[in-house]
Amino acid sequence: MRPLAWKPIVLALALLALGGCAQYGVASTAVKVGGAKVADTAAAEAEWTLCNAITVGAARRRYGVSQDRADAYNALCETSGRIVQPDAE
Protein backbone atom coordinates (compact mmCIF):
# COMPACT_ATOMS: atom_id res chain seq x y z
CA MET A 1 0.00 0.00 0.00
CA ARG A 2 1.31 3.43 -0.87
CA PRO A 3 2.10 5.70 2.11
CA LEU A 4 -0.70 8.17 1.26
CA ALA A 5 -3.33 5.65 0.19
CA TRP A 6 -5.01 5.65 3.60
CA LYS A 7 -5.79 9.40 3.56
CA PRO A 8 -8.81 9.18 1.18
CA ILE A 9 -10.23 6.35 3.29
CA VAL A 10 -9.84 8.32 6.52
CA LEU A 11 -11.36 11.41 4.87
CA ALA A 12 -14.35 9.42 3.62
CA LEU A 13 -14.93 7.88 7.05
CA ALA A 14 -14.67 11.29 8.72
CA LEU A 15 -17.23 12.79 6.33
CA LEU A 16 -19.61 9.91 6.94
CA ALA A 17 -19.20 10.24 10.70
CA LEU A 18 -19.78 14.01 10.66
CA GLY A 19 -22.78 13.67 8.36
CA GLY A 20 -24.41 11.37 10.87
CA CYS A 21 -24.25 14.00 13.62
CA ALA A 22 -27.01 16.10 12.05
CA GLN A 23 -29.19 13.06 11.63
CA TYR A 24 -28.49 12.06 15.24
CA GLY A 25 -29.91 15.39 16.43
CA VAL A 26 -33.14 14.83 14.50
CA ALA A 27 -33.45 11.25 15.73
CA SER A 28 -32.64 12.26 19.29
CA THR A 29 -35.34 14.94 19.24
CA ALA A 30 -37.88 12.48 17.86
CA VAL A 31 -37.08 9.99 20.60
CA LYS A 32 -37.34 12.67 23.29
CA VAL A 33 -40.71 13.91 22.02
CA GLY A 34 -42.04 10.38 21.61
CA GLY A 35 -40.73 9.41 25.04
CA ALA A 36 -42.36 12.44 26.62
CA LYS A 37 -45.72 11.54 25.05
CA VAL A 38 -45.44 7.99 26.38
CA ALA A 39 -44.57 9.27 29.85
CA ASP A 40 -47.52 11.70 29.81
CA THR A 41 -49.88 8.90 28.79
CA ALA A 42 -48.52 6.60 31.50
CA ALA A 43 -48.98 9.31 34.15
CA ALA A 44 -52.56 9.99 33.05
CA GLU A 45 -53.39 6.28 33.11
CA ALA A 46 -51.79 5.85 36.54
CA GLU A 47 -53.83 8.74 37.93
CA TRP A 48 -57.01 7.31 36.43
CA THR A 49 -56.25 3.93 38.01
CA LEU A 50 -55.46 5.51 41.37
CA CYS A 51 -58.64 7.58 41.41
CA ASN A 52 -61.12 5.29 39.65
CA ALA A 53 -60.01 1.68 39.65
CA ILE A 54 -59.00 0.99 43.25
CA THR A 55 -61.64 0.29 45.87
CA VAL A 56 -62.62 2.87 48.46
CA GLY A 57 -61.30 0.53 51.14
CA ALA A 58 -57.91 0.27 49.45
CA ALA A 59 -57.72 4.05 49.12
CA ARG A 60 -58.65 4.52 52.77
CA ARG A 61 -56.07 1.97 53.96
CA ARG A 62 -53.31 3.45 51.82
CA TYR A 63 -54.02 7.17 52.06
CA GLY A 64 -55.96 7.42 55.31
CA VAL A 65 -52.88 6.94 57.49
CA SER A 66 -52.25 10.69 57.83
CA GLN A 67 -53.94 14.00 57.12
CA ASP A 68 -51.27 14.88 54.55
CA ARG A 69 -51.85 11.69 52.55
CA ALA A 70 -55.62 12.03 52.76
CA ASP A 71 -55.48 15.64 51.56
CA ALA A 72 -53.10 14.70 48.71
CA TYR A 73 -55.37 11.87 47.51
CA ASN A 74 -58.49 14.01 47.71
CA ALA A 75 -56.79 16.89 45.86
CA LEU A 76 -55.27 14.66 43.14
CA CYS A 77 -58.50 12.83 42.51
CA GLU A 78 -60.61 15.99 42.81
CA THR A 79 -63.17 14.17 44.90
CA SER A 80 -66.45 15.99 45.45
CA GLY A 81 -66.49 14.73 49.03
CA ARG A 82 -63.76 13.57 51.33
CA ILE A 83 -63.37 9.97 50.16
CA VAL A 84 -60.34 9.45 52.36
CA GLN A 85 -60.21 10.69 55.94
CA PRO A 86 -57.27 10.09 58.24
CA ASP A 87 -57.78 7.34 60.79
CA ALA A 88 -58.94 8.60 64.16
CA GLU A 89 -56.22 8.17 66.74
C-alpha atoms as a PDB file:
ATOM      1  CA  MET A   1       0.000   0.000   0.000  1.00  0.00           C
ATOM      2  CA  ARG A   2       1.309   3.427  -0.872  1.00  0.00           C
ATOM      3  CA  PRO A   3       2.099   5.696   2.106  1.00  0.00           C
ATOM      4  CA  LEU A   4      -0.700   8.171   1.263  1.00  0.00           C
ATOM      5  CA  ALA A   5      -3.333   5.646   0.187  1.00  0.00           C
ATOM      6  CA  TRP A   6      -5.012   5.653   3.604  1.00  0.00           C
ATOM      7  CA  LYS A   7      -5.795   9.404   3.559  1.00  0.00           C
ATOM      8  CA  PRO A   8      -8.814   9.180   1.184  1.00  0.00           C
ATOM      9  CA  ILE A   9     -10.230   6.348   3.286  1.00  0.00           C
ATOM     10  CA  VAL A  10      -9.841   8.320   6.520  1.00  0.00           C
ATOM     11  CA  LEU A  11     -11.360  11.411   4.867  1.00  0.00           C
ATOM     12  CA  ALA A  12     -14.353   9.418   3.617  1.00  0.00           C
ATOM     13  CA  LEU A  13     -14.929   7.881   7.045  1.00  0.00           C
ATOM     14  CA  ALA A  14     -14.670  11.287   8.721  1.00  0.00           C
ATOM     15  CA  LEU A  15     -17.231  12.789   6.331  1.00  0.00           C
ATOM     16  CA  LEU A  16     -19.611   9.906   6.944  1.00  0.00           C
ATOM     17  CA  ALA A  17     -19.199  10.242  10.697  1.00  0.00           C
ATOM     18  CA  LEU A  18     -19.779  14.006  10.657  1.00  0.00           C
ATOM     19  CA  GLY A  19     -22.779  13.671   8.359  1.00  0.00           C
ATOM     20  CA  GLY A  20     -24.413  11.371  10.871  1.00  0.00           C
ATOM     21  CA  CYS A  21     -24.247  14.003  13.616  1.00  0.00           C
ATOM     22  CA  ALA A  22     -27.007  16.100  12.054  1.00  0.00           C
ATOM     23  CA  GLN A  23     -29.185  13.056  11.633  1.00  0.00           C
ATOM     24  CA  TYR A  24     -28.487  12.060  15.239  1.00  0.00           C
ATOM     25  CA  GLY A  25     -29.913  15.387  16.433  1.00  0.00           C
ATOM     26  CA  VAL A  26     -33.136  14.827  14.502  1.00  0.00           C
ATOM     27  CA  ALA A  27     -33.450  11.253  15.725  1.00  0.00           C
ATOM     28  CA  SER A  28     -32.644  12.260  19.293  1.00  0.00           C
ATOM     29  CA  THR A  29     -35.340  14.941  19.240  1.00  0.00           C
ATOM     30  CA  ALA A  30     -37.876  12.483  17.860  1.00  0.00           C
ATOM     31  CA  VAL A  31     -37.079   9.987  20.603  1.00  0.00           C
ATOM     32  CA  LYS A  32     -37.339  12.671  23.291  1.00  0.00           C
ATOM     33  CA  VAL A  33     -40.714  13.911  22.020  1.00  0.00           C
ATOM     34  CA  GLY A  34     -42.042  10.378  21.610  1.00  0.00           C
ATOM     35  CA  GLY A  35     -40.727   9.409  25.037  1.00  0.00           C
ATOM     36  CA  ALA A  36     -42.364  12.440  26.624  1.00  0.00           C
ATOM     37  CA  LYS A  37     -45.715  11.536  25.052  1.00  0.00           C
ATOM     38  CA  VAL A  38     -45.442   7.986  26.378  1.00  0.00           C
ATOM     39  CA  ALA A  39     -44.569   9.267  29.850  1.00  0.00           C
ATOM     40  CA  ASP A  40     -47.521  11.699  29.812  1.00  0.00           C
ATOM     41  CA  THR A  41     -49.878   8.898  28.786  1.00  0.00           C
ATOM     42  CA  ALA A  42     -48.520   6.603  31.499  1.00  0.00           C
ATOM     43  CA  ALA A  43     -48.982   9.313  34.153  1.00  0.00           C
ATOM     44  CA  ALA A  44     -52.561   9.989  33.055  1.00  0.00           C
ATOM     45  CA  GLU A  45     -53.393   6.276  33.111  1.00  0.00           C
ATOM     46  CA  ALA A  46     -51.788   5.848  36.536  1.00  0.00           C
ATOM     47  CA  GLU A  47     -53.830   8.744  37.928  1.00  0.00           C
ATOM     48  CA  TRP A  48     -57.011   7.308  36.433  1.00  0.00           C
ATOM     49  CA  THR A  49     -56.247   3.929  38.009  1.00  0.00           C
ATOM     50  CA  LEU A  50     -55.460   5.510  41.369  1.00  0.00           C
ATOM     51  CA  CYS A  51     -58.636   7.584  41.415  1.00  0.00           C
ATOM     52  CA  ASN A  52     -61.124   5.288  39.646  1.00  0.00           C
ATOM     53  CA  ALA A  53     -60.012   1.676  39.654  1.00  0.00           C
ATOM     54  CA  ILE A  54     -59.002   0.992  43.254  1.00  0.00           C
ATOM     55  CA  THR A  55     -61.643   0.291  45.867  1.00  0.00           C
ATOM     56  CA  VAL A  56     -62.618   2.874  48.456  1.00  0.00           C
ATOM     57  CA  GLY A  57     -61.300   0.528  51.136  1.00  0.00           C
ATOM     58  CA  ALA A  58     -57.909   0.265  49.454  1.00  0.00           C
ATOM     59  CA  ALA A  59     -57.724   4.051  49.123  1.00  0.00           C
ATOM     60  CA  ARG A  60     -58.645   4.517  52.771  1.00  0.00           C
ATOM     61  CA  ARG A  61     -56.071   1.965  53.960  1.00  0.00           C
ATOM     62  CA  ARG A  62     -53.313   3.448  51.817  1.00  0.00           C
ATOM     63  CA  TYR A  63     -54.019   7.172  52.064  1.00  0.00           C
ATOM     64  CA  GLY A  64     -55.955   7.417  55.308  1.00  0.00           C
ATOM     65  CA  VAL A  65     -52.884   6.940  57.491  1.00  0.00           C
ATOM     66  CA  SER A  66     -52.254  10.689  57.831  1.00  0.00           C
ATOM     67  CA  GLN A  67     -53.940  13.997  57.123  1.00  0.00           C
ATOM     68  CA  ASP A  68     -51.266  14.877  54.552  1.00  0.00           C
ATOM     69  CA  ARG A  69     -51.848  11.693  52.548  1.00  0.00           C
ATOM     70  CA  ALA A  70     -55.616  12.026  52.761  1.00  0.00           C
ATOM     71  CA  ASP A  71     -55.477  15.639  51.561  1.00  0.00           C
ATOM     72  CA  ALA A  72     -53.101  14.699  48.709  1.00  0.00           C
ATOM     73  CA  TYR A  73     -55.365  11.870  47.512  1.00  0.00           C
ATOM     74  CA  ASN A  74     -58.490  14.010  47.708  1.00  0.00           C
ATOM     75  CA  ALA A  75     -56.787  16.893  45.860  1.00  0.00           C
ATOM     76  CA  LEU A  76     -55.274  14.661  43.140  1.00  0.00           C
ATOM     77  CA  CYS A  77     -58.501  12.829  42.509  1.00  0.00           C
ATOM     78  CA  GLU A  78     -60.613  15.994  42.808  1.00  0.00           C
ATOM     79  CA  THR A  79     -63.169  14.174  44.901  1.00  0.00           C
ATOM     80  CA  SER A  80     -66.447  15.987  45.450  1.00  0.00           C
ATOM     81  CA  GLY A  81     -66.488  14.733  49.030  1.00  0.00           C
ATOM     82  CA  ARG A  82     -63.761  13.568  51.329  1.00  0.00           C
ATOM     83  CA  ILE A  83     -63.372   9.967  50.157  1.00  0.00           C
ATOM     84  CA  VAL A  84     -60.345   9.448  52.363  1.00  0.00           C
ATOM     85  CA  GLN A  85     -60.210  10.687  55.938  1.00  0.00           C
ATOM     86  CA  PRO A  86     -57.265  10.089  58.243  1.00  0.00           C
ATOM     87  CA  ASP A  87     -57.783   7.338  60.792  1.00  0.00           C
ATOM     88  CA  ALA A  88     -58.937   8.597  64.161  1.00  0.00           C
ATOM     89  CA  GLU A  89     -56.222   8.174  66.743  1.00  0.00           C
END
